[in-house]
Structures are given as structure tokens and as C-alpha cells.
Amino acid sequence: MGEQPIYSTRAHVFQIDPNTKKNWVPTSKHAVTVSYFYDSTRNVYRIISLDGSKAIINSTITPNMTFTKTSQKFGQWADSRANTVYGLGFSSENHLSKFAEKFAEFKEAARLAKEKSQEKMELTSTPSQESATGDIQSPLTPESINGTDDERVTPEATPNSEPRAETSPNALPFPHSSTINKHWEAELDALKGNNAKLTAALLESTANVKQWKQQLAAYQEEAERLHKRVTELECVSGQTNVIKSQKTELNQTIEELEVTLKAKEEELERLKEEVDNANQLQAQRDSLTQKLQETETRNKDLEAQLSELEQRLESSQAEQETFRNSLKTLLEILDGKIFELTELRDSLAKLIEGS
């Protein structure tokens, strides 16, 4: 049967920013179809989403994955193979919950499939392990490291080694202690030489192992890249009907977006008018504020003038009061002088009459 879709929904697709590891980067300009696929031949579940002919999600579900709801309409999961974090924004909380339920269901199915495959591998590998028991239990010897008897270097023969092999059982060891010491010293030197050779061979083997590991990692990376490419090509070739349905959905989405865009344009025009009115009101406010400041300045000037006039009035009133007092005094003096003149006139008149 191959790989077949088993559940589909629509959502906005995001990926985590590889530089900041914090911000979300949209990989689709609008809501796209996100589908769960099941490959019955390999017993694998995958999440796939296409934007046109480009696969923006190609994530194989593994037992260690976790789908997390971060809000009422947004969820995310990490894919270690793709070295990224995917995020999906749904139109409703119900769609998010349904997608999360399917994720948990297929994750459990992937776990069970992995356990079954491991059991099969253990059953198939048991006979080979039993046949190799003798090799595994055999001790590691210098001969196994240095190679075959023809390839490895044998210890240098010493003059004392042959007499040791040909010594009769009846010979006493103590009289020949110096010979035995020389023999063991020669054996020790030979062992030291073998140890040095073994160490060099071990270092060379370690370097070769590291090189082989690097080559193996490169081959695995290349195989993974080729596998992803094959998967993308399989997705593109095996989803013609999905692409057609996506095209219809995209056309509907475009119509909806056009209606939304028209509404947004009308709202934008209304907001522009409100901004113009607000600018006019701001200009009027600034003008009134300036006039108010000018009026306050004039009011302060008038208050200063009024204070000055009050001071001048008080000064003038004081001068008038002084003038009145002086005038009264002058009138009193004048009255006294007139009275004296009157008396003088009467005296003169009496004198004239008496003469």
C-alpha cells in the first residue's frame, strides 16, 4: 500500500529561528494542510505539510517526541533529526486538541512498533551470539593484536633461552642462579620490547578507529540527507490528490483573504480619517493653547499695570490729602489776616470819624 494519509487538518506553520532559538519564523504565508502519514511497509508515522511543491514539514514521529500546547491555539514539538522545532497555529482550540490527541496516539503506536522490531532483532541475533560465544570468551593476547605468527615480531633469542629449554630435570637451580637471572632479564627486555610494539600498534589502531568513525559519521549524514531527499520526492510524487485539494483550499483561502483585505482597507481608510481628525483637533488644541498663553501673558501685563496705577493712585491721594491740609492751614491764616484787616479798617474808620 505504501504511505497513506490518515489524518489532515489546516494550520499556520512556523519553525524556530536557528540563530536566536527564541523567535518563530513563519514558513507559510497562510494556513496549509498538515497531515499524518503512515507507511505500512516500514511501520513509520510522519507529519508532512506542503506549501505548493515544497515540503515545509517532514517529521518522523519517534517515541521520545512530545507535543506541547503553549496556548489555546498554538502547539509545538521538537525534531532532533531535523534539528529544529516546529510550531502550528490553529484556527480553534478544538483543532489543536484533536491534533494533540492524534500525536499522542501515533507516538504510542510508534513506540509499540519500535519494541516489536527490537524483539525481532533480538530473536534473529540470538543464534549468531551463541555461535560467537567462544570467540567472545577467548582472552585478548598480544598475538591477537600483533597479527599472525608470520607477521608478528618474535622476541629476540638469547643465549640462555636454549640451555633453559634443554636443562635436564636432575639439574639443581641454585648453582645456575646467575644464568637464570640473565635469562629472566632477557625475557623482561623482550617483554618490554613487545609492550612498546603493542602500545604503538594500539595507538595506530585507535587512530584508525577514529578515522573510521569520522568516515562512518560522514556516510551516515550523507545517507540521512539522501533519505530526506527521497522522502521529499515520495511526498511530491505520491500526493497529487492532496495537492489538488490543497489548490482548491488555497483558492478558497485567497478569496477569504481578499474579502478580509477589503475589510482591512476600509478599516484603514476609516483609521486614516480618524487620524486626520485627530491631527486637526491637535492643531486646534495647539492654537488654543498658544492663545491661552498669550492671554495669560497679557493678563500678567495688565495686572502689573493695574498694580502700578494703584500705587500711583495711592500716591496721588496722599498728595491731595497733603494739599488739602496745606490749603486749610492757608485758609485759616487768611481768615485771621482778614479779621485783622477788618479790625484795622474799623479802627481807621473810627479815627477818621473822631477827627
Protein backbone atom coordinates (compact mmCIF):
# COMPACT_ATOMS: atom_id res chain seq x y z
CA MET A 1 0.00 0.00 0.00
CA GLY A 2 2.92 2.39 0.65
CA GLU A 3 2.44 5.61 2.58
CA GLN A 4 -1.12 6.90 3.04
CA PRO A 5 -2.59 9.98 4.84
CA ILE A 6 -4.59 9.02 7.93
CA TYR A 7 -5.49 12.45 9.36
CA SER A 8 -5.36 16.00 7.98
CA THR A 9 -6.03 19.48 9.31
CA ARG A 10 -5.16 23.08 8.45
CA ALA A 11 -2.78 25.33 10.39
CA HIS A 12 -0.18 28.05 10.05
CA VAL A 13 3.32 26.51 10.11
CA PHE A 14 6.29 28.01 11.97
CA GLN A 15 9.88 26.99 12.70
CA ILE A 16 12.16 28.21 15.46
CA ASP A 17 14.80 30.73 14.41
CA PRO A 18 18.07 28.71 14.15
CA ASN A 19 20.11 31.75 15.20
CA THR A 20 18.23 33.02 18.26
CA LYS A 21 16.44 29.75 19.20
CA LYS A 22 13.68 32.00 20.59
CA ASN A 23 11.72 33.69 17.81
CA TRP A 24 9.27 31.90 15.50
CA VAL A 25 9.77 32.20 11.73
CA PRO A 26 6.66 31.57 9.56
CA THR A 27 7.27 29.02 6.81
CA SER A 28 3.85 29.51 5.19
CA LYS A 29 2.12 32.76 4.25
CA HIS A 30 -1.30 31.27 5.03
CA ALA A 31 -2.89 28.21 6.58
CA VAL A 32 -1.80 24.98 4.86
CA THR A 33 -2.77 21.33 5.15
CA VAL A 34 -0.86 19.36 7.79
CA SER A 35 -1.26 15.57 7.51
CA TYR A 36 -0.31 12.45 9.44
CA PHE A 37 1.03 9.72 7.11
CA TYR A 38 1.52 6.02 7.85
CA ASP A 39 3.99 3.84 5.95
CA SER A 40 2.79 0.25 6.36
CA THR A 41 5.93 -1.24 4.79
CA ARG A 42 8.30 0.44 7.25
CA ASN A 43 5.74 0.85 10.07
CA VAL A 44 6.57 4.56 10.36
CA TYR A 45 4.37 7.57 11.17
CA ARG A 46 5.23 11.00 9.77
CA ILE A 47 3.88 14.57 9.85
CA ILE A 48 4.02 16.16 6.39
CA SER A 49 2.95 19.57 5.11
CA LEU A 50 3.45 21.02 1.63
CA ASP A 51 3.45 24.66 0.59
CA GLY A 52 2.98 24.25 -3.14
CA SER A 53 5.60 21.67 -4.11
CA LYS A 54 7.91 22.45 -1.18
CA ALA A 55 7.84 20.24 1.92
CA ILE A 56 7.84 22.63 4.89
CA ILE A 57 7.26 19.82 7.43
CA ASN A 58 8.77 16.35 7.12
CA SER A 59 8.96 14.98 10.64
CA THR A 60 9.11 11.30 11.58
CA ILE A 61 7.31 10.60 14.87
CA THR A 62 9.53 8.88 17.45
CA PRO A 63 8.65 7.64 20.97
CA ASN A 64 10.74 10.38 22.63
CA MET A 65 8.88 13.26 20.94
CA THR A 66 6.44 15.43 22.89
CA PHE A 67 3.75 17.76 21.53
CA THR A 68 3.28 20.78 23.84
CA LYS A 69 0.32 23.17 23.90
CA THR A 70 1.76 26.62 24.55
CA SER A 71 -1.56 28.49 24.20
CA GLN A 72 -5.21 27.86 23.33
CA LYS A 73 -4.49 27.73 19.59
CA PHE A 74 -0.74 27.03 19.33
CA GLY A 75 1.34 23.89 19.82
CA GLN A 76 4.91 22.80 19.15
CA TRP A 77 7.26 19.77 19.08
CA ALA A 78 11.00 19.29 18.66
CA ASP A 79 12.50 17.13 15.91
CA SER A 80 16.09 16.14 16.73
CA ARG A 81 16.65 14.61 13.30
CA ALA A 82 15.74 17.84 11.52
CA ASN A 83 17.48 19.83 14.29
CA THR A 84 14.55 22.24 14.62
CA VAL A 85 11.32 22.95 16.50
CA TYR A 86 8.03 23.06 14.59
CA GLY A 87 5.08 25.24 15.63
CA LEU A 88 1.46 25.10 14.46
CA GLY A 89 -1.15 27.85 14.84
CA PHE A 90 -4.73 26.56 14.57
CA SER A 91 -7.97 28.43 13.96
CA SER A 92 -9.64 26.98 17.06
CA GLU A 93 -8.81 25.20 20.29
CA ASN A 94 -10.77 22.12 19.13
CA HIS A 95 -8.46 21.63 16.13
CA LEU A 96 -5.40 21.93 18.38
CA SER A 97 -6.77 19.36 20.84
CA LYS A 98 -7.61 16.91 18.04
CA PHE A 99 -4.10 17.24 16.56
CA ALA A 100 -2.53 16.70 20.00
CA GLU A 101 -4.66 13.57 20.57
CA LYS A 102 -3.56 12.14 17.21
CA PHE A 103 0.07 12.96 18.02
CA ALA A 104 -0.12 11.05 21.31
CA GLU A 105 -1.92 8.12 19.60
CA PHE A 106 0.64 7.78 16.78
CA LYS A 107 3.54 8.32 19.20
CA GLU A 108 2.34 5.33 21.24
CA ALA A 109 1.93 3.30 18.03
CA ALA A 110 5.50 4.22 17.02
CA ARG A 111 6.74 3.08 20.45
CA LEU A 112 4.98 -0.28 20.15
CA ALA A 113 6.32 -0.73 16.61
CA LYS A 114 9.85 0.02 17.81
CA GLU A 115 9.55 -2.51 20.64
CA LYS A 116 8.31 -5.19 18.24
CA SER A 117 11.17 -4.52 15.82
CA GLN A 118 13.67 -4.73 18.70
CA GLU A 119 12.20 -8.07 19.81
CA LYS A 120 12.53 -9.42 16.26
CA MET A 121 16.14 -8.23 16.09
CA GLU A 122 16.91 -9.91 19.43
CA LEU A 123 15.37 -13.19 18.24
CA THR A 124 17.32 -13.15 14.98
CA SER A 125 20.59 -12.18 16.67
CA THR A 126 20.45 -14.93 19.38
CA PRO A 127 21.87 -17.81 17.23
CA SER A 128 24.72 -15.68 15.98
CA GLN A 129 25.57 -14.66 19.53
CA GLU A 130 25.62 -18.30 20.66
CA SER A 131 27.91 -19.28 17.79
CA ALA A 132 30.29 -16.46 18.62
CA THR A 133 30.47 -17.30 22.35
CA GLY A 134 33.82 -18.99 22.04
CA ASP A 135 35.35 -16.00 20.30
CA ILE A 136 33.91 -13.58 22.83
CA GLN A 137 35.20 -15.61 25.82
CA SER A 138 38.72 -16.02 24.41
CA PRO A 139 41.20 -13.74 26.17
CA LEU A 140 42.89 -10.84 24.38
CA THR A 141 46.53 -11.79 23.78
CA PRO A 142 49.43 -9.88 22.27
CA GLU A 143 49.41 -12.38 19.40
CA SER A 144 45.83 -11.38 18.53
CA ILE A 145 46.82 -7.72 18.44
CA ASN A 146 50.12 -8.04 16.56
CA GLY A 147 48.71 -10.36 13.87
CA THR A 148 49.60 -13.88 12.78
CA ASP A 149 52.71 -15.84 13.66
CA ASP A 150 54.22 -14.98 10.29
CA GLU A 151 53.54 -11.21 10.64
CA ARG A 152 54.37 -10.51 14.29
CA VAL A 153 57.93 -9.98 15.54
CA THR A 154 59.13 -12.70 17.91
CA PRO A 155 61.26 -11.86 20.94
CA GLU A 156 64.98 -11.94 20.26
CA ALA A 157 66.51 -15.25 21.19
CA THR A 158 69.06 -15.09 23.98
CA PRO A 159 71.94 -17.44 24.58
CA ASN A 160 70.34 -18.54 27.87
CA SER A 161 67.00 -19.46 26.39
CA GLU A 162 68.19 -22.67 24.73
CA PRO A 163 70.00 -24.02 27.79
CA ARG A 164 66.81 -23.34 29.77
CA ALA A 165 64.83 -25.47 27.36
CA GLU A 166 67.45 -28.26 27.33
CA THR A 167 68.21 -28.34 31.06
CA SER A 168 67.78 -31.81 32.49
CA PRO A 169 65.25 -32.37 35.26
CA ASN A 170 68.01 -33.54 37.61
CA ALA A 171 69.95 -30.24 37.42
CA LEU A 172 69.81 -28.07 40.52
CA PRO A 173 68.61 -24.45 40.02
CA PHE A 174 70.72 -22.78 42.68
CA PRO A 175 74.17 -23.35 41.14
CA HIS A 176 72.93 -21.70 37.94
CA SER A 177 71.19 -18.65 39.58
CA SER A 178 73.25 -16.16 37.58
CA THR A 179 72.24 -17.86 34.37
CA ILE A 180 68.57 -17.81 35.42
CA ASN A 181 68.77 -14.11 36.32
CA LYS A 182 70.25 -13.32 32.93
CA HIS A 183 67.55 -15.38 31.32
CA TRP A 184 64.78 -13.51 33.16
CA GLU A 185 66.37 -10.15 32.37
CA ALA A 186 66.42 -11.10 28.72
CA GLU A 187 62.78 -12.18 28.99
CA LEU A 188 61.93 -8.84 30.68
CA ASP A 189 63.66 -6.88 27.94
CA ALA A 190 61.84 -8.89 25.33
CA LEU A 191 58.52 -8.25 27.08
CA LYS A 192 59.30 -4.52 27.28
CA GLY A 193 60.02 -4.51 23.57
CA ASN A 194 56.77 -6.35 22.86
CA ASN A 195 54.89 -3.95 25.15
CA ALA A 196 56.27 -0.95 23.25
CA LYS A 197 55.31 -2.55 19.95
CA LEU A 198 51.85 -3.40 21.27
CA THR A 199 51.38 0.18 22.52
CA ALA A 200 52.36 1.58 19.11
CA ALA A 201 50.01 -0.87 17.39
CA LEU A 202 47.21 0.07 19.80
CA LEU A 203 47.74 3.79 19.16
CA GLU A 204 47.71 3.16 15.43
CA SER A 205 44.52 1.11 15.79
CA THR A 206 42.92 3.90 17.87
CA ALA A 207 43.79 6.46 15.19
CA ASN A 208 42.35 4.15 12.54
CA VAL A 209 39.18 3.69 14.62
CA LYS A 210 38.76 7.46 14.94
CA GLN A 211 39.22 7.86 11.19
CA TRP A 212 36.72 5.08 10.54
CA LYS A 213 34.23 6.71 12.94
CA GLN A 214 34.56 10.02 11.09
CA GLN A 215 34.05 8.30 7.76
CA LEU A 216 31.07 6.39 9.19
CA ALA A 217 29.53 9.64 10.51
CA ALA A 218 30.01 11.25 7.09
CA TYR A 219 28.42 8.23 5.38
CA GLN A 220 25.51 8.29 7.86
CA GLU A 221 24.99 12.02 7.30
CA GLU A 222 25.02 11.53 3.54
CA ALA A 223 22.60 8.59 3.86
CA GLU A 224 20.28 10.69 6.04
CA ARG A 225 20.39 13.53 3.53
CA LEU A 226 19.62 11.14 0.67
CA HIS A 227 16.82 9.57 2.72
CA LYS A 228 15.27 13.00 3.34
CA ARG A 229 15.56 13.82 -0.35
CA VAL A 230 13.92 10.53 -1.31
CA THR A 231 11.18 11.18 1.23
CA GLU A 232 10.54 14.64 -0.19
CA LEU A 233 10.37 13.21 -3.70
CA GLU A 234 8.00 10.49 -2.47
CA CYS A 235 5.84 13.16 -0.83
CA VAL A 236 5.75 15.23 -4.01
CA SER A 237 5.02 12.24 -6.29
CA GLY A 238 2.55 10.46 -4.01
CA GLN A 239 0.34 13.38 -3.06
CA THR A 240 -1.27 14.55 -6.31
CA ASN A 241 -4.75 14.37 -4.85
CA VAL A 242 -3.61 16.16 -1.74
CA ILE A 243 -2.08 18.91 -3.87
CA LYS A 244 -5.33 19.27 -5.85
CA SER A 245 -7.35 19.54 -2.64
CA GLN A 246 -4.80 21.98 -1.33
CA LYS A 247 -5.17 24.05 -4.51
CA THR A 248 -8.94 24.22 -4.01
CA GLU A 249 -8.44 25.13 -0.38
CA LEU A 250 -5.86 27.72 -1.37
CA ASN A 251 -8.31 29.30 -3.83
CA GLN A 252 -10.90 29.46 -1.06
CA THR A 253 -8.32 30.88 1.27
CA ILE A 254 -7.34 33.50 -1.32
CA GLU A 255 -10.99 34.55 -1.70
CA GLU A 256 -11.34 34.77 2.06
CA LEU A 257 -8.13 36.78 2.25
CA GLU A 258 -9.35 39.14 -0.48
CA VAL A 259 -12.56 39.77 1.48
CA THR A 260 -10.53 40.24 4.63
CA LEU A 261 -8.13 42.54 2.77
CA LYS A 262 -11.01 44.66 1.51
CA ALA A 263 -12.41 44.95 5.02
CA LYS A 264 -8.95 45.86 6.30
CA GLU A 265 -8.59 48.53 3.60
CA GLU A 266 -11.94 50.05 4.59
CA GLU A 267 -10.90 49.97 8.20
CA LEU A 268 -7.58 51.54 7.21
CA GLU A 269 -9.39 54.37 5.41
CA ARG A 270 -11.56 54.92 8.47
CA LEU A 271 -8.49 54.99 10.67
CA LYS A 272 -6.84 57.48 8.31
CA GLU A 273 -9.89 59.76 8.61
CA GLU A 274 -9.76 59.43 12.37
CA VAL A 275 -6.06 60.26 12.29
CA ASP A 276 -6.74 63.34 10.13
CA ASN A 277 -9.48 64.45 12.52
CA ALA A 278 -7.16 63.84 15.42
CA ASN A 279 -4.47 65.92 13.71
CA GLN A 280 -6.94 68.76 13.14
CA LEU A 281 -8.05 68.59 16.76
CA GLN A 282 -4.42 68.60 17.80
CA ALA A 283 -3.77 71.67 15.65
CA GLN A 284 -6.80 73.42 17.16
CA ARG A 285 -5.64 72.44 20.60
CA ASP A 286 -2.17 73.81 19.90
CA SER A 287 -3.69 77.07 18.60
CA LEU A 288 -5.93 77.43 21.63
CA THR A 289 -3.01 76.64 23.90
CA GLN A 290 -0.95 79.37 22.23
CA LYS A 291 -3.80 81.85 22.51
CA LEU A 292 -4.28 80.93 26.14
CA GLN A 293 -0.60 81.54 26.79
CA GLU A 294 -0.81 84.89 25.04
CA THR A 295 -3.90 85.79 27.08
CA GLU A 296 -2.15 84.79 30.29
CA THR A 297 0.81 86.95 29.31
CA ARG A 298 -1.45 89.93 28.58
CA ASN A 299 -3.29 89.31 31.83
CA LYS A 300 0.01 89.41 33.70
CA ASP A 301 0.93 92.66 31.95
CA LEU A 302 -2.46 94.19 32.81
CA GLU A 303 -2.11 93.08 36.40
CA ALA A 304 1.29 94.77 36.54
CA GLN A 305 -0.15 97.95 35.03
CA LEU A 306 -3.08 97.85 37.47
CA SER A 307 -0.73 97.44 40.38
CA GLU A 308 1.31 100.38 39.13
CA LEU A 309 -1.84 102.51 38.73
CA GLU A 310 -3.00 101.59 42.22
CA GLN A 311 0.37 102.68 43.58
CA ARG A 312 0.18 105.92 41.63
CA LEU A 313 -3.41 106.47 42.85
CA GLU A 314 -2.39 105.93 46.44
CA SER A 315 0.48 108.35 45.95
CA SER A 316 -1.84 110.90 44.32
CA GLN A 317 -4.39 110.57 47.12
CA ALA A 318 -1.64 111.13 49.67
CA GLU A 319 -0.51 114.24 47.79
CA GLN A 320 -4.10 115.55 47.61
CA GLU A 321 -4.56 114.97 51.33
CA THR A 322 -1.37 116.92 51.99
CA PHE A 323 -2.55 119.67 49.64
CA ARG A 324 -5.91 119.88 51.42
CA ASN A 325 -4.26 120.13 54.79
CA SER A 326 -1.99 122.90 53.49
CA LEU A 327 -4.95 124.65 51.93
CA LYS A 328 -6.87 124.51 55.23
CA THR A 329 -3.95 125.92 57.08
CA LEU A 330 -3.63 128.69 54.50
CA LEU A 331 -7.37 129.47 54.72
CA GLU A 332 -7.18 129.67 58.49
CA ILE A 333 -4.22 132.05 58.23
CA LEU A 334 -6.08 134.03 55.57
CA ASP A 335 -9.19 134.23 57.77
CA GLY A 336 -7.05 135.55 60.62
CA LYS A 337 -5.47 138.15 58.36
CA ILE A 338 -8.88 139.22 57.02
CA PHE A 339 -10.18 139.53 60.56
CA GLU A 340 -7.19 141.66 61.49
CA LEU A 341 -7.69 143.85 58.39
CA THR A 342 -11.35 144.23 59.29
CA GLU A 343 -10.47 145.37 62.76
CA LEU A 344 -7.84 147.70 61.32
CA ARG A 345 -10.39 149.14 58.90
CA ASP A 346 -12.89 149.68 61.70
CA SER A 347 -10.19 151.35 63.81
CA LEU A 348 -9.23 153.61 60.94
CA ALA A 349 -12.86 154.49 60.30
CA LYS A 350 -13.33 155.42 63.96
CA LEU A 351 -10.22 157.53 63.86
CA ILE A 352 -11.44 159.32 60.79
CA GLU A 353 -14.79 159.97 62.30
CA GLY A 354 -13.26 161.24 65.51
CA SER A 355 -11.07 163.68 63.76
